[in-house]
Structure formats: structure tokens, C-alpha cells
Amino acid sequence: MEKIYQHGDLQGGIYDLGLAENFGPLDLEASVARNMARLYLYGSSFWEAYPELAVEYFSQVASAMPYLRDGSGWTAIERYRGALLQLGDQLARQEEWCAAFEQYQAAASIRPDAPLNSKLEESALRCTPPTPTWEESPTPTFTLTPTWTGLPPTAPAPTTTDTPQPPTDTPPPPDTPTPEPPTDTPTPTETQPAQPANPTP
């Protein structure tokens, strides 16, 4: 347990507790120390590769032993915060802005800083973009007035009966006298010579 809590030698402490268990059952304190060390190592194995799994394991260690650390000096609470940032960045690349905002917000609750605040503001803006002002009012503030799009009201509408005909400059044809038919119709006796009654052979 001293290796786990004081030296950050998680693997060495787990190994020693496993040897001690061969001689008798571990007490509650030793079992908790070994389980927390195991969860920390599980989370480290998914670090920067599968941030969603790293968040799952480090959240358990951070809630129970936030200052448990490994040989690198990273505490469980800082590991949890870093995993939240990694998961938020991954969701932001996938344009899942609302889910990314939740991860950034959880990380900011642990320890905010300037880069994290910038990511938090951007994800919040993209998750809930500003809406047009006319959508914010429950009732419309304008009325629609029908507009006549045809001819102007001063122009009379054309009709088929009142359509003026264009003037023509062609004078009417002159009156020509109609010839009277001849009254004296010639008869065959007048136009042909008379034939003898008894022709001589």
C-alpha cells in the first residue's frame, strides 16, 4: 500500500498485495487500494486512444481518490480532466457540438484555463446558435397586406367591345355606273339570212 499511495508505483503495489493475498485475505483498505490502482492503470491504457473509456475509468478513481497518482506524477483528477478534454476534442471534430460542450464544461468544473474557455465558448455557440429576432416573439409583429400586381388602378382594363379601331386612310371606291342590258335582243331572223323554202337541187 505504501508503494501505491506514496511512491506512485501502482504495478508494484498491486503485485505485492497479490503475494500477500496468498497468505490470507486482504482487508478492506488493502482491497480498495488495489482496486483503485487497477482502475487507474486501465484508464491509462486507453489514454489518447479511446478517450471515452479513459473518462469512464478515471471518473471512478477521481471520485474516490482524486490525488492518487502514477509514476509520472499525474493525479487521478488531472487524468480525468485530460480525458474529458480529449473526448471533447474528438466530439468537436465530429461536429457533435452539444456533446463536446458537456465534456468541456465538466473539465472546466475541475480546473478552467484560457484554452479550455475558448473551446467552451465555441462549442456553446455552435450548439445553440443565435436565432433570428422574429422567431423570439411568440406572436408575429407584422401583418400581410394583399397587393394587386396587375395593371395600375388608373388604367382601364381592356375589353373586346371597346377596343378602338385604328383609322384607315384608304378612300372608299368611286361609284361606277352599271351598264344597262340591251333592250333589243337580236332574233335569229335578224342576224341570219333567210333560207329558201324549196331549195333547188
N, C-alpha and C. Protein backbone atom coordinates (compact mmCIF):
# COMPACT_ATOMS: atom_id res chain seq x y z
N MET A 1 0.83 -1.20 0.00
CA MET A 1 0.00 0.00 0.00
C MET A 1 0.86 1.25 0.00
N GLU A 2 2.03 1.18 0.61
CA GLU A 2 2.94 2.33 0.59
C GLU A 2 3.42 2.61 -0.83
N LYS A 3 3.68 1.59 -1.61
CA LYS A 3 4.08 1.78 -3.00
C LYS A 3 2.97 2.50 -3.79
N ILE A 4 1.73 2.15 -3.52
CA ILE A 4 0.62 2.73 -4.26
C ILE A 4 0.39 4.18 -3.85
N TYR A 5 0.31 4.45 -2.56
CA TYR A 5 -0.08 5.77 -2.08
C TYR A 5 1.06 6.78 -2.05
N GLN A 6 2.24 6.35 -1.76
CA GLN A 6 3.33 7.30 -1.56
C GLN A 6 4.31 7.38 -2.72
N HIS A 7 4.55 6.28 -3.38
CA HIS A 7 5.57 6.26 -4.43
C HIS A 7 4.98 6.25 -5.84
N GLY A 8 3.70 6.05 -5.97
CA GLY A 8 3.09 6.01 -7.28
C GLY A 8 3.45 4.77 -8.08
N ASP A 9 3.94 3.76 -7.38
CA ASP A 9 4.29 2.51 -8.06
C ASP A 9 3.06 1.61 -8.01
N LEU A 10 2.16 1.85 -8.94
CA LEU A 10 0.89 1.15 -8.90
C LEU A 10 1.06 -0.33 -9.21
N GLN A 11 1.83 -0.64 -10.22
CA GLN A 11 2.01 -2.04 -10.59
C GLN A 11 2.74 -2.81 -9.50
N GLY A 12 3.78 -2.17 -8.91
CA GLY A 12 4.50 -2.84 -7.84
C GLY A 12 3.61 -3.09 -6.62
N GLY A 13 2.76 -2.11 -6.29
CA GLY A 13 1.86 -2.30 -5.15
C GLY A 13 0.83 -3.38 -5.41
N ILE A 14 0.30 -3.43 -6.63
CA ILE A 14 -0.65 -4.48 -6.96
C ILE A 14 0.01 -5.86 -6.86
N TYR A 15 1.23 -5.94 -7.32
CA TYR A 15 1.95 -7.22 -7.26
C TYR A 15 2.17 -7.66 -5.81
N ASP A 16 2.58 -6.74 -4.94
CA ASP A 16 2.83 -7.09 -3.54
C ASP A 16 1.55 -7.51 -2.83
N LEU A 17 0.46 -6.82 -3.12
CA LEU A 17 -0.80 -7.20 -2.49
C LEU A 17 -1.28 -8.55 -2.99
N GLY A 18 -0.98 -8.85 -4.25
CA GLY A 18 -1.33 -10.18 -4.75
C GLY A 18 -0.54 -11.26 -4.03
N LEU A 19 0.73 -11.02 -3.72
CA LEU A 19 1.53 -12.00 -2.97
C LEU A 19 1.00 -12.15 -1.54
N ALA A 20 0.63 -11.00 -0.95
CA ALA A 20 0.13 -11.08 0.43
C ALA A 20 -1.19 -11.83 0.51
N GLU A 21 -1.97 -11.77 -0.57
CA GLU A 21 -3.25 -12.47 -0.56
C GLU A 21 -3.08 -13.98 -0.55
N ASN A 22 -1.89 -14.46 -0.96
CA ASN A 22 -1.64 -15.91 -0.92
C ASN A 22 -1.56 -16.42 0.51
N PHE A 23 -1.25 -15.52 1.45
CA PHE A 23 -1.11 -15.94 2.84
C PHE A 23 -2.40 -15.72 3.63
N GLY A 24 -3.30 -14.88 3.11
CA GLY A 24 -4.56 -14.63 3.82
C GLY A 24 -5.35 -13.56 3.09
N PRO A 25 -6.62 -13.46 3.40
CA PRO A 25 -7.46 -12.46 2.71
C PRO A 25 -7.02 -11.05 3.05
N LEU A 26 -7.15 -10.15 2.09
CA LEU A 26 -6.82 -8.74 2.28
C LEU A 26 -7.94 -8.04 3.02
N ASP A 27 -7.58 -7.06 3.82
CA ASP A 27 -8.61 -6.27 4.49
C ASP A 27 -9.22 -5.27 3.51
N LEU A 28 -10.23 -4.52 3.99
CA LEU A 28 -10.97 -3.60 3.11
C LEU A 28 -10.05 -2.51 2.57
N GLU A 29 -9.19 -1.96 3.39
CA GLU A 29 -8.33 -0.87 2.95
C GLU A 29 -7.36 -1.34 1.87
N ALA A 30 -6.81 -2.50 2.03
CA ALA A 30 -5.88 -3.02 1.02
C ALA A 30 -6.61 -3.34 -0.28
N SER A 31 -7.83 -3.89 -0.16
CA SER A 31 -8.60 -4.21 -1.37
C SER A 31 -8.96 -2.95 -2.15
N VAL A 32 -9.33 -1.88 -1.40
CA VAL A 32 -9.67 -0.62 -2.08
C VAL A 32 -8.44 -0.05 -2.78
N ALA A 33 -7.30 -0.10 -2.14
CA ALA A 33 -6.07 0.43 -2.74
C ALA A 33 -5.73 -0.33 -4.02
N ARG A 34 -5.86 -1.64 -3.98
CA ARG A 34 -5.54 -2.42 -5.18
C ARG A 34 -6.55 -2.15 -6.30
N ASN A 35 -7.83 -2.04 -5.96
CA ASN A 35 -8.85 -1.79 -7.00
C ASN A 35 -8.66 -0.41 -7.64
N MET A 36 -8.35 0.61 -6.83
CA MET A 36 -8.14 1.94 -7.38
C MET A 36 -6.91 1.97 -8.29
N ALA A 37 -5.87 1.26 -7.88
CA ALA A 37 -4.67 1.20 -8.71
C ALA A 37 -4.96 0.51 -10.03
N ARG A 38 -5.77 -0.52 -9.99
CA ARG A 38 -6.13 -1.22 -11.22
C ARG A 38 -6.95 -0.32 -12.15
N LEU A 39 -7.93 0.39 -11.59
CA LEU A 39 -8.74 1.28 -12.41
C LEU A 39 -7.88 2.39 -13.03
N TYR A 40 -6.91 2.89 -12.28
CA TYR A 40 -6.01 3.92 -12.82
C TYR A 40 -5.22 3.36 -13.99
N LEU A 41 -4.72 2.16 -13.85
CA LEU A 41 -3.95 1.57 -14.94
C LEU A 41 -4.83 1.25 -16.14
N TYR A 42 -6.06 0.85 -15.91
CA TYR A 42 -6.97 0.61 -17.03
C TYR A 42 -7.21 1.91 -17.80
N GLY A 43 -7.45 2.97 -17.06
CA GLY A 43 -7.66 4.25 -17.73
C GLY A 43 -6.44 4.72 -18.50
N SER A 44 -5.25 4.49 -17.95
CA SER A 44 -4.02 4.88 -18.64
C SER A 44 -3.82 4.10 -19.93
N SER A 45 -4.29 2.86 -19.97
CA SER A 45 -4.12 2.06 -21.19
C SER A 45 -4.96 2.61 -22.34
N PHE A 46 -6.02 3.34 -22.05
CA PHE A 46 -6.86 3.93 -23.10
C PHE A 46 -6.55 5.40 -23.32
N TRP A 47 -5.55 5.92 -22.68
CA TRP A 47 -5.22 7.35 -22.76
C TRP A 47 -4.87 7.74 -24.19
N GLU A 48 -5.52 8.79 -24.72
CA GLU A 48 -5.33 9.34 -26.05
C GLU A 48 -5.71 8.39 -27.18
N ALA A 49 -6.16 7.19 -26.86
CA ALA A 49 -6.59 6.25 -27.90
C ALA A 49 -8.11 6.12 -27.92
N TYR A 50 -8.68 5.86 -26.77
CA TYR A 50 -10.12 5.75 -26.62
C TYR A 50 -10.53 6.63 -25.44
N PRO A 51 -10.69 7.92 -25.68
CA PRO A 51 -10.94 8.84 -24.56
C PRO A 51 -12.24 8.55 -23.82
N GLU A 52 -13.23 7.98 -24.51
CA GLU A 52 -14.48 7.69 -23.81
C GLU A 52 -14.29 6.64 -22.73
N LEU A 53 -13.41 5.66 -22.98
CA LEU A 53 -13.12 4.64 -21.97
C LEU A 53 -12.21 5.21 -20.87
N ALA A 54 -11.27 6.06 -21.26
CA ALA A 54 -10.42 6.70 -20.26
C ALA A 54 -11.25 7.55 -19.30
N VAL A 55 -12.26 8.26 -19.83
CA VAL A 55 -13.15 9.06 -18.98
C VAL A 55 -13.91 8.14 -18.02
N GLU A 56 -14.36 7.01 -18.51
CA GLU A 56 -15.12 6.09 -17.66
C GLU A 56 -14.30 5.59 -16.47
N TYR A 57 -13.05 5.20 -16.70
CA TYR A 57 -12.24 4.66 -15.61
C TYR A 57 -11.72 5.75 -14.68
N PHE A 58 -11.24 6.84 -15.25
CA PHE A 58 -10.67 7.89 -14.40
C PHE A 58 -11.75 8.62 -13.60
N SER A 59 -12.99 8.63 -14.09
CA SER A 59 -14.05 9.25 -13.30
C SER A 59 -14.28 8.49 -12.00
N GLN A 60 -14.13 7.17 -12.03
CA GLN A 60 -14.30 6.38 -10.81
C GLN A 60 -13.16 6.62 -9.83
N VAL A 61 -11.93 6.68 -10.34
CA VAL A 61 -10.79 6.90 -9.46
C VAL A 61 -10.82 8.32 -8.90
N ALA A 62 -11.16 9.30 -9.74
CA ALA A 62 -11.16 10.70 -9.31
C ALA A 62 -12.21 10.96 -8.24
N SER A 63 -13.34 10.25 -8.31
CA SER A 63 -14.38 10.45 -7.30
C SER A 63 -14.01 9.84 -5.96
N ALA A 64 -13.21 8.76 -5.98
CA ALA A 64 -12.85 8.09 -4.72
C ALA A 64 -11.50 8.55 -4.19
N MET A 65 -10.49 8.62 -5.06
CA MET A 65 -9.14 9.02 -4.66
C MET A 65 -8.60 10.01 -5.69
N PRO A 66 -9.00 11.28 -5.61
CA PRO A 66 -8.62 12.23 -6.67
C PRO A 66 -7.11 12.48 -6.76
N TYR A 67 -6.35 12.24 -5.69
CA TYR A 67 -4.92 12.55 -5.71
C TYR A 67 -4.06 11.29 -5.82
N LEU A 68 -4.68 10.20 -6.17
CA LEU A 68 -3.89 9.01 -6.49
C LEU A 68 -3.12 9.27 -7.77
N ARG A 69 -1.84 8.93 -7.77
CA ARG A 69 -1.01 9.24 -8.93
C ARG A 69 -0.18 8.03 -9.32
N ASP A 70 0.36 8.11 -10.54
CA ASP A 70 1.25 7.06 -11.02
C ASP A 70 2.68 7.58 -10.99
N GLY A 71 3.58 6.85 -11.62
CA GLY A 71 4.99 7.24 -11.60
C GLY A 71 5.27 8.55 -12.32
N SER A 72 4.41 8.98 -13.25
CA SER A 72 4.62 10.25 -13.96
C SER A 72 4.22 11.46 -13.12
N GLY A 73 3.52 11.24 -12.02
CA GLY A 73 3.09 12.35 -11.18
C GLY A 73 1.69 12.87 -11.49
N TRP A 74 1.06 12.35 -12.51
CA TRP A 74 -0.30 12.77 -12.83
C TRP A 74 -1.25 12.22 -11.78
N THR A 75 -2.05 13.10 -11.20
CA THR A 75 -3.08 12.65 -10.26
C THR A 75 -4.30 12.16 -11.03
N ALA A 76 -5.15 11.43 -10.33
CA ALA A 76 -6.34 10.87 -10.97
C ALA A 76 -7.28 11.97 -11.43
N ILE A 77 -7.39 13.06 -10.67
CA ILE A 77 -8.29 14.14 -11.05
C ILE A 77 -7.80 14.86 -12.29
N GLU A 78 -6.48 15.01 -12.44
CA GLU A 78 -5.93 15.64 -13.65
C GLU A 78 -6.04 14.70 -14.85
N ARG A 79 -5.87 13.42 -14.60
CA ARG A 79 -6.08 12.46 -15.69
C ARG A 79 -7.52 12.50 -16.18
N TYR A 80 -8.45 12.60 -15.25
CA TYR A 80 -9.86 12.68 -15.61
C TYR A 80 -10.15 13.94 -16.42
N ARG A 81 -9.59 15.05 -16.00
CA ARG A 81 -9.77 16.29 -16.74
C ARG A 81 -9.18 16.20 -18.15
N GLY A 82 -7.98 15.63 -18.26
CA GLY A 82 -7.36 15.47 -19.57
C GLY A 82 -8.16 14.56 -20.49
N ALA A 83 -8.72 13.49 -19.92
CA ALA A 83 -9.55 12.59 -20.74
C ALA A 83 -10.82 13.29 -21.20
N LEU A 84 -11.38 14.16 -20.36
CA LEU A 84 -12.56 14.93 -20.78
C LEU A 84 -12.22 15.85 -21.94
N LEU A 85 -11.06 16.49 -21.89
CA LEU A 85 -10.65 17.36 -22.98
C LEU A 85 -10.44 16.57 -24.27
N GLN A 86 -9.82 15.41 -24.15
CA GLN A 86 -9.63 14.58 -25.34
C GLN A 86 -10.96 14.15 -25.95
N LEU A 87 -11.90 13.78 -25.11
CA LEU A 87 -13.20 13.36 -25.61
C LEU A 87 -13.95 14.56 -26.22
N GLY A 88 -13.83 15.72 -25.59
CA GLY A 88 -14.46 16.91 -26.16
C GLY A 88 -13.90 17.27 -27.52
N ASP A 89 -12.57 17.18 -27.66
CA ASP A 89 -11.96 17.48 -28.96
C ASP A 89 -12.40 16.48 -30.02
N GLN A 90 -12.52 15.22 -29.63
CA GLN A 90 -12.96 14.21 -30.59
C GLN A 90 -14.39 14.48 -31.05
N LEU A 91 -15.25 14.84 -30.13
CA LEU A 91 -16.64 15.14 -30.50
C LEU A 91 -16.73 16.41 -31.33
N ALA A 92 -15.86 17.39 -31.05
CA ALA A 92 -15.86 18.62 -31.84
C ALA A 92 -15.43 18.33 -33.28
N ARG A 93 -14.47 17.45 -33.48
CA ARG A 93 -14.07 17.09 -34.84
C ARG A 93 -15.20 16.39 -35.57
N GLN A 94 -16.05 15.70 -34.86
CA GLN A 94 -17.21 15.04 -35.46
C GLN A 94 -18.41 15.97 -35.55
N GLU A 95 -18.21 17.25 -35.15
CA GLU A 95 -19.25 18.28 -35.18
C GLU A 95 -20.45 17.93 -34.30
N GLU A 96 -20.20 17.19 -33.23
CA GLU A 96 -21.22 16.94 -32.22
C GLU A 96 -21.00 17.96 -31.10
N TRP A 97 -21.44 19.19 -31.37
CA TRP A 97 -21.05 20.32 -30.54
C TRP A 97 -21.71 20.29 -29.16
N CYS A 98 -22.92 19.84 -29.06
CA CYS A 98 -23.58 19.82 -27.76
C CYS A 98 -22.92 18.80 -26.83
N ALA A 99 -22.57 17.64 -27.37
CA ALA A 99 -21.88 16.64 -26.55
C ALA A 99 -20.48 17.12 -26.18
N ALA A 100 -19.80 17.80 -27.10
CA ALA A 100 -18.48 18.35 -26.80
C ALA A 100 -18.58 19.42 -25.71
N PHE A 101 -19.63 20.23 -25.77
CA PHE A 101 -19.82 21.26 -24.74
C PHE A 101 -19.95 20.64 -23.35
N GLU A 102 -20.64 19.52 -23.24
CA GLU A 102 -20.79 18.86 -21.95
C GLU A 102 -19.44 18.39 -21.39
N GLN A 103 -18.58 17.86 -22.27
CA GLN A 103 -17.27 17.40 -21.81
C GLN A 103 -16.40 18.58 -21.39
N TYR A 104 -16.41 19.66 -22.17
CA TYR A 104 -15.63 20.84 -21.81
C TYR A 104 -16.14 21.46 -20.51
N GLN A 105 -17.43 21.44 -20.32
CA GLN A 105 -17.99 22.01 -19.11
C GLN A 105 -17.58 21.20 -17.88
N ALA A 106 -17.57 19.88 -18.02
CA ALA A 106 -17.12 19.04 -16.90
C ALA A 106 -15.64 19.27 -16.60
N ALA A 107 -14.84 19.45 -17.66
CA ALA A 107 -13.41 19.72 -17.45
C ALA A 107 -13.20 21.08 -16.80
N ALA A 108 -14.00 22.07 -17.18
CA ALA A 108 -13.87 23.41 -16.60
C ALA A 108 -14.27 23.42 -15.13
N SER A 109 -15.18 22.53 -14.73
CA SER A 109 -15.55 22.46 -13.32
C SER A 109 -14.41 21.96 -12.45
N ILE A 110 -13.47 21.24 -13.05
CA ILE A 110 -12.29 20.77 -12.29
C ILE A 110 -11.25 21.86 -12.23
N ARG A 111 -10.89 22.40 -13.38
CA ARG A 111 -9.90 23.48 -13.42
C ARG A 111 -10.01 24.20 -14.76
N PRO A 112 -10.51 25.44 -14.77
CA PRO A 112 -10.59 26.17 -16.03
C PRO A 112 -9.27 26.83 -16.38
N ASP A 113 -9.08 27.08 -17.66
CA ASP A 113 -7.95 27.85 -18.15
C ASP A 113 -8.36 28.52 -19.45
N ALA A 114 -7.47 29.34 -19.99
CA ALA A 114 -7.81 30.13 -21.18
C ALA A 114 -8.12 29.25 -22.40
N PRO A 115 -7.28 28.26 -22.76
CA PRO A 115 -7.63 27.43 -23.92
C PRO A 115 -8.95 26.70 -23.75
N LEU A 116 -9.20 26.21 -22.54
CA LEU A 116 -10.45 25.49 -22.31
C LEU A 116 -11.64 26.44 -22.40
N ASN A 117 -11.51 27.65 -21.90
CA ASN A 117 -12.60 28.62 -22.00
C ASN A 117 -12.93 28.94 -23.45
N SER A 118 -11.90 29.02 -24.30
CA SER A 118 -12.14 29.28 -25.72
C SER A 118 -12.91 28.13 -26.36
N LYS A 119 -12.53 26.90 -26.05
CA LYS A 119 -13.25 25.75 -26.58
C LYS A 119 -14.68 25.69 -26.04
N LEU A 120 -14.83 26.07 -24.79
CA LEU A 120 -16.16 26.06 -24.19
C LEU A 120 -17.09 27.06 -24.86
N GLU A 121 -16.58 28.24 -25.14
CA GLU A 121 -17.40 29.27 -25.80
C GLU A 121 -17.76 28.87 -27.23
N GLU A 122 -16.79 28.32 -27.95
CA GLU A 122 -17.06 27.93 -29.34
C GLU A 122 -18.09 26.82 -29.41
N SER A 123 -17.95 25.80 -28.56
CA SER A 123 -18.91 24.69 -28.59
C SER A 123 -20.29 25.14 -28.14
N ALA A 124 -20.35 26.06 -27.18
CA ALA A 124 -21.65 26.57 -26.73
C ALA A 124 -22.33 27.35 -27.85
N LEU A 125 -21.56 28.14 -28.59
CA LEU A 125 -22.12 28.93 -29.69
C LEU A 125 -22.61 28.04 -30.81
N ARG A 126 -21.86 27.00 -31.13
CA ARG A 126 -22.25 26.12 -32.22
C ARG A 126 -23.38 25.18 -31.80
N CYS A 127 -23.47 24.90 -30.52
CA CYS A 127 -24.56 24.03 -30.04
C CYS A 127 -25.88 24.76 -30.06
N THR A 128 -25.90 26.02 -29.63
CA THR A 128 -27.12 26.82 -29.61
C THR A 128 -26.85 28.12 -30.36
N PRO A 129 -26.89 28.10 -31.70
CA PRO A 129 -26.63 29.31 -32.47
C PRO A 129 -27.71 30.34 -32.22
N PRO A 130 -27.41 31.62 -32.40
CA PRO A 130 -28.43 32.65 -32.22
C PRO A 130 -29.54 32.51 -33.24
N THR A 131 -30.75 32.73 -32.78
CA THR A 131 -31.91 32.62 -33.64
C THR A 131 -32.32 34.00 -34.12
N PRO A 132 -32.99 34.08 -35.27
CA PRO A 132 -33.48 35.38 -35.75
C PRO A 132 -34.42 36.02 -34.74
N THR A 133 -34.44 37.34 -34.73
CA THR A 133 -35.24 38.06 -33.74
C THR A 133 -36.73 37.81 -33.94
N TRP A 134 -37.16 37.60 -35.17
CA TRP A 134 -38.60 37.39 -35.37
C TRP A 134 -39.07 36.07 -34.82
N GLU A 135 -38.18 35.11 -34.61
CA GLU A 135 -38.59 33.84 -34.02
C GLU A 135 -38.70 33.91 -32.50
N GLU A 136 -38.09 34.94 -31.89
CA GLU A 136 -38.13 35.04 -30.45
C GLU A 136 -39.49 35.51 -29.96
N SER A 137 -40.26 36.22 -30.78
CA SER A 137 -41.56 36.72 -30.37
C SER A 137 -42.61 35.63 -30.56
N PRO A 138 -43.46 35.38 -29.54
CA PRO A 138 -44.47 34.32 -29.70
C PRO A 138 -45.53 34.66 -30.73
N THR A 139 -45.77 35.96 -30.95
CA THR A 139 -46.77 36.37 -31.93
C THR A 139 -46.09 37.22 -32.99
N PRO A 140 -46.52 37.14 -34.23
CA PRO A 140 -45.90 37.96 -35.27
C PRO A 140 -46.19 39.43 -35.04
N THR A 141 -45.24 40.26 -35.36
CA THR A 141 -45.36 41.70 -35.19
C THR A 141 -45.62 42.41 -36.51
N PHE A 142 -46.00 41.69 -37.53
CA PHE A 142 -46.26 42.30 -38.82
C PHE A 142 -47.52 41.68 -39.39
N THR A 143 -48.13 42.39 -40.31
CA THR A 143 -49.33 41.91 -40.98
C THR A 143 -49.08 41.90 -42.47
N LEU A 144 -49.73 40.99 -43.13
CA LEU A 144 -49.59 40.85 -44.58
C LEU A 144 -50.76 41.56 -45.26
N THR A 145 -50.47 42.45 -46.17
CA THR A 145 -51.49 43.19 -46.92
C THR A 145 -51.47 42.72 -48.35
N PRO A 146 -52.64 42.25 -48.89
CA PRO A 146 -52.63 41.80 -50.29
C PRO A 146 -52.32 42.96 -51.23
N THR A 147 -51.52 42.71 -52.19
CA THR A 147 -51.08 43.74 -53.15
C THR A 147 -51.49 43.31 -54.54
N TRP A 148 -52.19 44.25 -55.26
CA TRP A 148 -52.58 43.96 -56.64
C TRP A 148 -51.38 44.12 -57.54
N THR A 149 -51.03 43.05 -58.21
CA THR A 149 -49.85 43.06 -59.06
C THR A 149 -50.19 43.20 -60.54
N GLY A 150 -51.48 43.48 -60.87
CA GLY A 150 -51.87 43.60 -62.27
C GLY A 150 -51.64 45.00 -62.79
N LEU A 151 -52.60 45.50 -63.60
CA LEU A 151 -52.47 46.84 -64.17
C LEU A 151 -52.67 47.89 -63.10
N PRO A 152 -52.15 49.09 -63.27
CA PRO A 152 -52.38 50.17 -62.31
C PRO A 152 -53.86 50.47 -62.23
N PRO A 153 -54.31 50.95 -61.05
CA PRO A 153 -55.75 51.21 -60.90
C PRO A 153 -56.26 52.30 -61.82
N THR A 154 -55.40 53.23 -62.30
CA THR A 154 -55.85 54.32 -63.16
C THR A 154 -56.04 53.87 -64.59
N ALA A 155 -55.42 52.79 -64.99
CA ALA A 155 -55.53 52.34 -66.37
C ALA A 155 -56.75 51.46 -66.52
N PRO A 156 -57.68 51.77 -67.42
CA PRO A 156 -58.86 50.90 -67.58
C PRO A 156 -58.46 49.57 -68.18
N ALA A 157 -59.13 48.57 -67.73
CA ALA A 157 -58.86 47.23 -68.24
C ALA A 157 -59.35 47.12 -69.67
N PRO A 158 -58.61 46.59 -70.56
CA PRO A 158 -59.04 46.47 -71.96
C PRO A 158 -60.21 45.51 -72.10
N THR A 159 -61.15 45.87 -72.93
CA THR A 159 -62.29 44.99 -73.23
C THR A 159 -62.36 44.78 -74.74
N THR A 160 -63.06 43.73 -75.10
CA THR A 160 -63.15 43.38 -76.52
C THR A 160 -64.12 44.29 -77.27
N THR A 161 -65.15 44.83 -76.55
CA THR A 161 -66.15 45.65 -77.25
C THR A 161 -65.70 47.08 -77.41
N ASP A 162 -64.87 47.58 -76.50
CA ASP A 162 -64.47 48.98 -76.55
C ASP A 162 -63.09 49.17 -77.16
N THR A 163 -62.58 48.19 -77.82
CA THR A 163 -61.25 48.33 -78.39
C THR A 163 -61.31 49.26 -79.59
N PRO A 164 -60.63 50.38 -79.57
CA PRO A 164 -60.69 51.31 -80.72
C PRO A 164 -60.00 50.73 -81.93
N GLN A 165 -60.59 51.00 -83.09
CA GLN A 165 -60.01 50.53 -84.34
C GLN A 165 -59.07 51.60 -84.89
N PRO A 166 -57.96 51.21 -85.43
CA PRO A 166 -57.05 52.21 -85.98
C PRO A 166 -57.66 52.87 -87.22
N PRO A 167 -57.45 54.18 -87.36
CA PRO A 167 -58.01 54.87 -88.55
C PRO A 167 -57.33 54.42 -89.82
N THR A 168 -58.09 54.38 -90.86
CA THR A 168 -57.54 53.99 -92.17
C THR A 168 -57.66 55.18 -93.11
N ASP A 169 -56.68 55.37 -93.93
CA ASP A 169 -56.66 56.49 -94.89
C ASP A 169 -57.10 56.07 -96.30
N THR A 170 -57.58 54.87 -96.47
CA THR A 170 -57.97 54.39 -97.80
C THR A 170 -59.32 54.96 -98.16
N PRO A 171 -59.45 55.74 -99.22
CA PRO A 171 -60.77 56.32 -99.59
C PRO A 171 -61.69 55.25 -100.11
N PRO A 172 -62.97 55.47 -99.98
CA PRO A 172 -63.92 54.46 -100.50
C PRO A 172 -63.85 54.39 -102.02
N PRO A 173 -64.16 53.29 -102.60
CA PRO A 173 -64.09 53.15 -104.06
C PRO A 173 -65.13 54.04 -104.73
N PRO A 174 -64.81 54.62 -105.92
CA PRO A 174 -65.76 55.51 -106.62
C PRO A 174 -66.95 54.73 -107.15
N ASP A 175 -68.02 55.46 -107.27
CA ASP A 175 -69.25 54.85 -107.80
C ASP A 175 -69.11 54.70 -109.33
N THR A 176 -69.18 53.51 -109.81
CA THR A 176 -69.09 53.25 -111.25
C THR A 176 -70.47 52.89 -111.76
N PRO A 177 -70.86 53.46 -112.93
CA PRO A 177 -72.20 53.14 -113.47
C PRO A 177 -72.29 51.72 -113.95
N THR A 178 -73.39 51.15 -113.63
CA THR A 178 -73.62 49.77 -114.04
C THR A 178 -74.24 49.78 -115.44
N PRO A 179 -73.64 49.09 -116.42
CA PRO A 179 -74.22 49.12 -117.78
C PRO A 179 -75.58 48.48 -117.82
N GLU A 180 -76.44 49.17 -118.56
CA GLU A 180 -77.81 48.66 -118.72
C GLU A 180 -77.81 47.53 -119.74
N PRO A 181 -78.55 46.51 -119.54
CA PRO A 181 -78.63 45.44 -120.54
C PRO A 181 -79.36 45.90 -121.78
N PRO A 182 -78.97 45.44 -122.96
CA PRO A 182 -79.66 45.89 -124.20
C PRO A 182 -81.10 45.43 -124.21
N THR A 183 -81.91 46.35 -124.68
CA THR A 183 -83.34 46.04 -124.71
C THR A 183 -83.73 45.32 -126.00
N ASP A 184 -83.00 45.62 -127.09
CA ASP A 184 -83.35 44.98 -128.37
C ASP A 184 -82.50 43.76 -128.55
N THR A 185 -83.05 42.67 -128.24
CA THR A 185 -82.31 41.41 -128.37
C THR A 185 -82.45 40.93 -129.80
N PRO A 186 -81.32 40.70 -130.47
CA PRO A 186 -81.45 40.25 -131.87
C PRO A 186 -82.07 38.89 -131.94
N THR A 187 -82.85 38.70 -132.96
CA THR A 187 -83.53 37.43 -133.19
C THR A 187 -82.80 36.71 -134.29
N PRO A 188 -83.00 35.42 -134.43
CA PRO A 188 -82.31 34.70 -135.48
C PRO A 188 -82.66 35.19 -136.87
N THR A 189 -83.85 35.75 -137.03
CA THR A 189 -84.23 36.21 -138.37
C THR A 189 -83.48 37.44 -138.73
N GLU A 190 -83.09 38.23 -137.70
CA GLU A 190 -82.40 39.45 -137.99
C GLU A 190 -80.90 39.23 -138.20
N THR A 191 -80.37 38.22 -137.60
CA THR A 191 -78.92 38.02 -137.66
C THR A 191 -78.53 37.03 -138.71
N GLN A 192 -79.43 36.15 -139.22
CA GLN A 192 -79.07 35.16 -140.20
C GLN A 192 -79.96 35.38 -141.46
N PRO A 193 -79.42 35.12 -142.62
CA PRO A 193 -80.24 35.25 -143.84
C PRO A 193 -81.28 34.17 -143.89
N ALA A 194 -82.37 34.53 -144.52
CA ALA A 194 -83.45 33.58 -144.63
C ALA A 194 -83.14 32.51 -145.65
N GLN A 195 -83.49 31.31 -145.33
CA GLN A 195 -83.24 30.20 -146.22
C GLN A 195 -84.44 30.02 -147.17
N PRO A 196 -84.18 29.64 -148.38
CA PRO A 196 -85.33 29.44 -149.32
C PRO A 196 -86.19 28.30 -148.83
N ALA A 197 -87.44 28.41 -149.16
CA ALA A 197 -88.40 27.38 -148.72
C ALA A 197 -88.20 26.10 -149.46
N ASN A 198 -87.98 26.19 -150.76
CA ASN A 198 -87.78 24.97 -151.52
C ASN A 198 -86.42 25.05 -152.20
N PRO A 199 -85.45 24.46 -151.63
CA PRO A 199 -84.14 24.57 -152.24
C PRO A 199 -84.08 23.80 -153.54
N THR A 200 -83.40 24.33 -154.54
CA THR A 200 -83.30 23.68 -155.84
C THR A 200 -82.07 22.82 -155.80
N PRO A 201 -82.21 21.57 -156.18
CA PRO A 201 -81.03 20.69 -156.25
C PRO A 201 -80.06 21.12 -157.32
